[in-house]
Amino acid sequence: MSDVNITIIDREGVRHEVLAPTDMNMNLMEVCKSYELPVQAVCGGMAMCATCQCYIISDHDLGERNDDEEAMLWEAQNVQENSRLGCQIPISADLEGLIVELAPEED
C-alpha cells in the first residue's frame, strides 16, 4: 500500500495532515469524509453539488477541470481561480505534499 501526505485546511483555519491511500481508487472528497472533515458531499461525488469545493494552495498540476466540474463551479458560491471539486481529484502519487483549503459553506 502506498500513501501520500496531504494537508487539508478546514474552515476554521486548522491544518490537518492526513495520509491518503493511492491504491483504493479514492478521491479527495472521500479522504476528507474518512477523516471526518466537514465536507457534506451531498451528491455522493457526482460533481453536482459543490459541497466539496476546495482551494488548491500548493503548486500541484491537477490538470484541467472536466466539463461537469466546470459547470458546477460556474453555479457555486465562493469560487476562486484555484477552486476545484474534491470529488474530481483522484488520489495518486502525484499528490504527495498537496495542500488544499476547504471553501466556505454555501449560504
Protein backbone atom coordinates (compact mmCIF):
# COMPACT_ATOMS: atom_id res chain seq x y z
CA MET A 1 0.00 0.00 0.00
CA SER A 2 1.26 3.48 -0.89
CA ASP A 3 0.04 6.62 0.85
CA VAL A 4 0.56 10.29 0.07
CA ASN A 5 0.76 13.13 2.57
CA ILE A 6 -1.90 15.80 2.08
CA THR A 7 -2.56 18.90 4.15
CA ILE A 8 -6.20 19.95 4.41
CA ILE A 9 -7.00 23.32 5.98
CA ASP A 10 -10.52 23.29 7.42
CA ARG A 11 -12.95 26.22 7.50
CA GLU A 12 -11.60 27.37 10.87
CA GLY A 13 -8.04 27.52 9.52
CA VAL A 14 -6.88 24.35 11.30
CA ARG A 15 -4.35 22.30 9.33
CA HIS A 16 -4.92 18.54 9.15
CA GLU A 17 -2.01 16.40 7.98
CA VAL A 18 -3.58 13.26 6.50
CA LEU A 19 -2.40 10.12 4.75
CA ALA A 20 -4.34 9.24 1.63
CA PRO A 21 -4.05 5.79 0.02
CA THR A 22 -3.20 5.72 -3.67
CA ASP A 23 -4.34 2.13 -4.15
CA MET A 24 -8.03 2.39 -3.16
CA ASN A 25 -9.40 4.47 -6.07
CA MET A 26 -10.40 7.29 -3.68
CA ASN A 27 -10.80 10.98 -4.41
CA LEU A 28 -10.06 13.97 -2.21
CA MET A 29 -13.69 14.32 -1.10
CA GLU A 30 -13.70 10.72 0.14
CA VAL A 31 -10.44 11.31 2.02
CA CYS A 32 -11.98 14.34 3.73
CA LYS A 33 -15.03 12.28 4.71
CA SER A 34 -12.85 9.44 6.03
CA TYR A 35 -11.06 11.92 8.33
CA GLU A 36 -14.43 13.38 9.39
CA LEU A 37 -13.66 16.79 7.95
CA PRO A 38 -16.72 18.98 7.29
CA VAL A 39 -17.44 18.06 3.68
CA GLN A 40 -21.09 17.28 3.03
CA ALA A 41 -20.73 15.53 -0.33
CA VAL A 42 -24.47 15.81 -0.87
CA CYS A 43 -24.31 14.37 -4.40
CA GLY A 44 -22.03 11.50 -3.44
CA GLY A 45 -19.18 12.59 -5.68
CA MET A 46 -21.03 13.18 -8.94
CA ALA A 47 -19.87 16.84 -9.38
CA MET A 48 -23.44 18.02 -8.86
CA CYS A 49 -23.39 20.00 -5.58
CA ALA A 50 -20.06 21.80 -4.91
CA THR A 51 -20.18 20.96 -1.18
CA CYS A 52 -16.65 19.54 -1.55
CA GLN A 53 -15.22 22.67 -3.18
CA CYS A 54 -11.68 23.42 -2.09
CA TYR A 55 -8.88 25.79 -3.00
CA ILE A 56 -5.61 24.32 -4.24
CA ILE A 57 -2.90 26.11 -2.23
CA SER A 58 0.19 24.17 -3.31
CA ASP A 59 1.68 24.27 -6.80
CA HIS A 60 0.39 20.88 -7.99
CA ASP A 61 -0.75 20.42 -11.57
CA LEU A 62 -4.13 18.72 -11.28
CA GLY A 63 -4.97 19.06 -14.94
CA GLU A 64 -7.93 20.90 -16.39
CA ARG A 65 -11.40 20.82 -14.86
CA ASN A 66 -13.71 18.49 -16.76
CA ASP A 67 -16.98 19.84 -18.20
CA ASP A 68 -19.12 18.68 -15.24
CA GLU A 69 -16.77 20.26 -12.70
CA GLU A 70 -16.57 23.49 -14.69
CA ALA A 71 -20.37 23.68 -14.94
CA MET A 72 -20.86 23.08 -11.21
CA LEU A 73 -18.26 25.67 -10.23
CA TRP A 74 -19.93 28.16 -12.58
CA GLU A 75 -23.04 27.92 -10.37
CA ALA A 76 -21.28 27.66 -6.99
CA GLN A 77 -20.51 30.42 -4.50
CA ASN A 78 -17.05 31.47 -3.23
CA VAL A 79 -15.34 30.24 -6.41
CA GLN A 80 -11.75 31.33 -6.97
CA GLU A 81 -9.25 30.66 -9.75
CA ASN A 82 -7.80 27.78 -7.74
CA SER A 83 -11.19 26.21 -6.92
CA ARG A 84 -11.68 22.52 -7.56
CA LEU A 85 -14.24 19.93 -6.51
CA GLY A 86 -12.64 17.38 -4.19
CA CYS A 87 -14.70 14.61 -5.77
CA GLN A 88 -12.96 15.26 -9.09
CA ILE A 89 -9.41 14.90 -7.72
CA PRO A 90 -8.36 11.24 -7.74
CA ILE A 91 -5.73 10.31 -5.17
CA SER A 92 -2.45 9.43 -6.87
CA ALA A 93 1.26 9.52 -6.08
CA ASP A 94 1.43 12.88 -7.88
CA LEU A 95 -0.50 14.45 -4.98
CA GLU A 96 2.34 13.99 -2.46
CA GLY A 97 2.54 17.24 -0.47
CA LEU A 98 -0.74 18.64 -1.79
CA ILE A 99 -2.18 21.49 0.30
CA VAL A 100 -5.85 22.40 -0.01
CA GLU A 101 -8.23 24.63 1.91
CA LEU A 102 -11.92 23.83 2.21
CA ALA A 103 -14.07 26.55 0.68
CA PRO A 104 -16.66 28.24 2.89
CA GLU A 105 -20.03 26.50 3.03
CA GLU A 106 -22.62 27.98 0.72
CA ASP A 107 -25.41 30.04 2.23
